[in-house]
Every structure is written in structure tokens, then in C-alpha cells.
Amino acid sequence: MTSFVAVKTLAGFNYVRADQVMAVATAEQTKCNIYLVGGVTVPCAEPAKEIVARIDAAAVATEPEIA
């Protein structure tokens, strides 16, 4: 199942698919940019470290178990 991660933006919230994130770059101490597959950039009003932790957790939660 696809896992979405809520990220705080300057105007509210956006929801990004964890499996579509290519990179997270720090813009300022409390701001960052998320780069998605296809060239979309999502500016965020949260520290990159917090967003990366949530994306990692969502990615691990959606990985299929190998029997």
C-alpha cells in the first residue's frame, strides 16, 4: 500500500508519497525542500531531519516481507 507523509508548508500541509521522494535538502535551519520523482519540488516549513525520519519510517512500513 502506498504510504503518504504529511509535511508542513508555509500555507498549510501537503501530503507526499514516501516512495516518490528523491531527496530532501536543507534551505534554512527550520525549512527544507523535498524533491520528488518527475521534477516536483515541495518547499517545507520543517527541519529536514524531521521529514527524513518520517519518510524513512513510512518507507520501512510499506516494504514487503520476504519469506
C-alpha atoms as a PDB file:
ATOM      1  CA  MET A   1       0.000   0.000   0.000  1.00  0.00           C
ATOM      2  CA  THR A   2       1.213   3.492  -0.800  1.00  0.00           C
ATOM      3  CA  SER A   3       2.268   5.486   2.236  1.00  0.00           C
ATOM      4  CA  PHE A   4       1.731   9.246   2.382  1.00  0.00           C
ATOM      5  CA  VAL A   5       3.667  11.596   4.654  1.00  0.00           C
ATOM      6  CA  ALA A   6       2.195  14.910   5.817  1.00  0.00           C
ATOM      7  CA  VAL A   7       4.607  17.837   5.594  1.00  0.00           C
ATOM      8  CA  LYS A   8       4.036  21.348   6.886  1.00  0.00           C
ATOM      9  CA  THR A   9       4.341  24.065   4.257  1.00  0.00           C
ATOM     10  CA  LEU A  10       4.173  27.833   4.558  1.00  0.00           C
ATOM     11  CA  ALA A  11       0.476  27.771   3.585  1.00  0.00           C
ATOM     12  CA  GLY A  12      -0.708  24.590   5.314  1.00  0.00           C
ATOM     13  CA  PHE A  13       0.033  20.919   4.726  1.00  0.00           C
ATOM     14  CA  ASN A  14       0.961  18.773   1.732  1.00  0.00           C
ATOM     15  CA  TYR A  15       0.935  15.002   1.526  1.00  0.00           C
ATOM     16  CA  VAL A  16       3.764  13.339  -0.401  1.00  0.00           C
ATOM     17  CA  ARG A  17       4.187   9.692  -1.321  1.00  0.00           C
ATOM     18  CA  ALA A  18       7.179   8.272   0.525  1.00  0.00           C
ATOM     19  CA  ASP A  19       8.189   6.130  -2.480  1.00  0.00           C
ATOM     20  CA  GLN A  20       8.357   9.187  -4.768  1.00  0.00           C
ATOM     21  CA  VAL A  21      10.880  11.202  -2.728  1.00  0.00           C
ATOM     22  CA  MET A  22      14.261  11.571  -4.425  1.00  0.00           C
ATOM     23  CA  ALA A  23      15.948  13.976  -1.991  1.00  0.00           C
ATOM     24  CA  VAL A  24      15.435  16.350   0.934  1.00  0.00           C
ATOM     25  CA  ALA A  25      17.612  19.451   1.032  1.00  0.00           C
ATOM     26  CA  THR A  26      18.007  21.958   3.864  1.00  0.00           C
ATOM     27  CA  ALA A  27      17.169  25.509   2.828  1.00  0.00           C
ATOM     28  CA  GLU A  28      17.417  27.104   6.284  1.00  0.00           C
ATOM     29  CA  GLN A  29      17.570  25.747   9.812  1.00  0.00           C
ATOM     30  CA  THR A  30      13.773  25.358  10.004  1.00  0.00           C
ATOM     31  CA  LYS A  31      12.982  24.963   6.294  1.00  0.00           C
ATOM     32  CA  CYS A  32      13.774  22.451   3.574  1.00  0.00           C
ATOM     33  CA  ASN A  33      12.817  21.354   0.071  1.00  0.00           C
ATOM     34  CA  ILE A  34      11.587  17.903  -0.921  1.00  0.00           C
ATOM     35  CA  TYR A  35      12.445  16.789  -4.461  1.00  0.00           C
ATOM     36  CA  LEU A  36      10.070  14.242  -5.972  1.00  0.00           C
ATOM     37  CA  VAL A  37      10.255  11.960  -8.989  1.00  0.00           C
ATOM     38  CA  GLY A  38       9.201  13.915 -12.070  1.00  0.00           C
ATOM     39  CA  GLY A  39      10.873  17.172 -11.031  1.00  0.00           C
ATOM     40  CA  VAL A  40       8.334  18.451  -8.491  1.00  0.00           C
ATOM     41  CA  THR A  41       9.756  20.480  -5.600  1.00  0.00           C
ATOM     42  CA  VAL A  42       7.829  20.870  -2.328  1.00  0.00           C
ATOM     43  CA  PRO A  43       9.037  23.709  -0.075  1.00  0.00           C
ATOM     44  CA  CYS A  44       8.501  22.851   3.612  1.00  0.00           C
ATOM     45  CA  ALA A  45       8.423  24.788   6.867  1.00  0.00           C
ATOM     46  CA  GLU A  46      10.030  21.987   8.914  1.00  0.00           C
ATOM     47  CA  PRO A  47      13.615  20.893   9.532  1.00  0.00           C
ATOM     48  CA  ALA A  48      14.908  18.338   7.019  1.00  0.00           C
ATOM     49  CA  LYS A  49      15.917  15.906   9.783  1.00  0.00           C
ATOM     50  CA  GLU A  50      12.283  15.545  10.944  1.00  0.00           C
ATOM     51  CA  ILE A  51      10.959  14.988   7.445  1.00  0.00           C
ATOM     52  CA  VAL A  52      13.629  12.437   6.571  1.00  0.00           C
ATOM     53  CA  ALA A  53      12.794  10.467   9.722  1.00  0.00           C
ATOM     54  CA  ARG A  54       9.085  10.336   8.801  1.00  0.00           C
ATOM     55  CA  ILE A  55       9.808   9.370   5.186  1.00  0.00           C
ATOM     56  CA  ASP A  56      12.167   6.596   6.337  1.00  0.00           C
ATOM     57  CA  ALA A  57       9.559   5.277   8.766  1.00  0.00           C
ATOM     58  CA  ALA A  58       6.881   5.275   6.062  1.00  0.00           C
ATOM     59  CA  ALA A  59       9.182   3.529   3.588  1.00  0.00           C
ATOM     60  CA  VAL A  60      10.034   0.782   6.078  1.00  0.00           C
ATOM     61  CA  ALA A  61       6.354   0.305   6.929  1.00  0.00           C
ATOM     62  CA  THR A  62       5.452  -0.328   3.270  1.00  0.00           C
ATOM     63  CA  GLU A  63       8.298  -2.736   2.406  1.00  0.00           C
ATOM     64  CA  PRO A  64       7.013  -6.265   1.760  1.00  0.00           C
ATOM     65  CA  GLU A  65       8.324  -9.026   3.989  1.00  0.00           C
ATOM     66  CA  ILE A  66      10.478 -11.647   2.279  1.00  0.00           C
ATOM     67  CA  ALA A  67       9.529 -15.162   3.292  1.00  0.00           C
END
